[in-house]
Amino acid sequence: MYTIEMAYAHMRQLQELANRSRAHQPAAAKRADKVHARVGKKR
């Protein structure tokens, strides 16, 4: 039997994993923004 409590606990786990993966992204996102900005300026 799959209870609401189990579903909620699983959702929290997924949210924590998502937050951890986001912690590594800002630097990569900033790099991507700079690359896109450069491409825009060249045009």
Protein backbone atom coordinates (compact mmCIF):
# COMPACT_ATOMS: atom_id res chain seq x y z
CA MET A 1 0.00 0.00 0.00
CA TYR A 2 1.34 3.42 -1.03
CA THR A 3 0.31 6.10 1.43
CA ILE A 4 0.23 9.88 1.12
CA GLU A 5 2.99 10.01 3.74
CA MET A 6 5.21 7.79 1.58
CA ALA A 7 4.47 9.90 -1.50
CA TYR A 8 5.26 13.08 0.45
CA ALA A 9 8.54 11.64 1.77
CA HIS A 10 9.55 10.64 -1.76
CA MET A 11 8.65 14.09 -3.08
CA ARG A 12 10.83 15.69 -0.39
CA GLN A 13 13.74 13.43 -1.39
CA LEU A 14 13.39 14.44 -5.03
CA GLN A 15 13.22 18.10 -4.02
CA GLU A 16 16.43 17.78 -1.97
CA LEU A 17 18.21 16.14 -4.92
CA ALA A 18 16.99 18.91 -7.23
CA ASN A 19 18.26 21.56 -4.81
CA ARG A 20 21.66 19.84 -4.60
CA SER A 21 21.97 19.68 -8.39
CA ARG A 22 20.98 23.37 -8.62
CA ALA A 23 23.86 24.25 -6.29
CA HIS A 24 26.29 23.14 -9.02
CA GLN A 25 24.48 24.91 -11.86
CA PRO A 26 24.90 28.70 -11.26
CA ALA A 27 28.52 28.77 -12.51
CA ALA A 28 27.57 26.81 -15.63
CA ALA A 29 24.50 29.01 -16.16
CA LYS A 30 26.62 32.17 -15.88
CA ARG A 31 29.09 30.75 -18.42
CA ALA A 32 26.24 29.93 -20.79
CA ASP A 33 24.85 33.46 -20.42
CA LYS A 34 28.25 34.97 -21.22
CA VAL A 35 28.58 32.75 -24.31
CA HIS A 36 25.10 33.77 -25.51
CA ALA A 37 25.88 37.43 -24.82
CA ARG A 38 29.08 37.19 -26.87
CA VAL A 39 27.26 35.53 -29.77
CA GLY A 40 24.67 38.31 -29.65
CA LYS A 41 27.35 41.04 -29.73
CA LYS A 42 29.16 39.47 -32.69
CA ARG A 43 25.99 39.66 -34.76
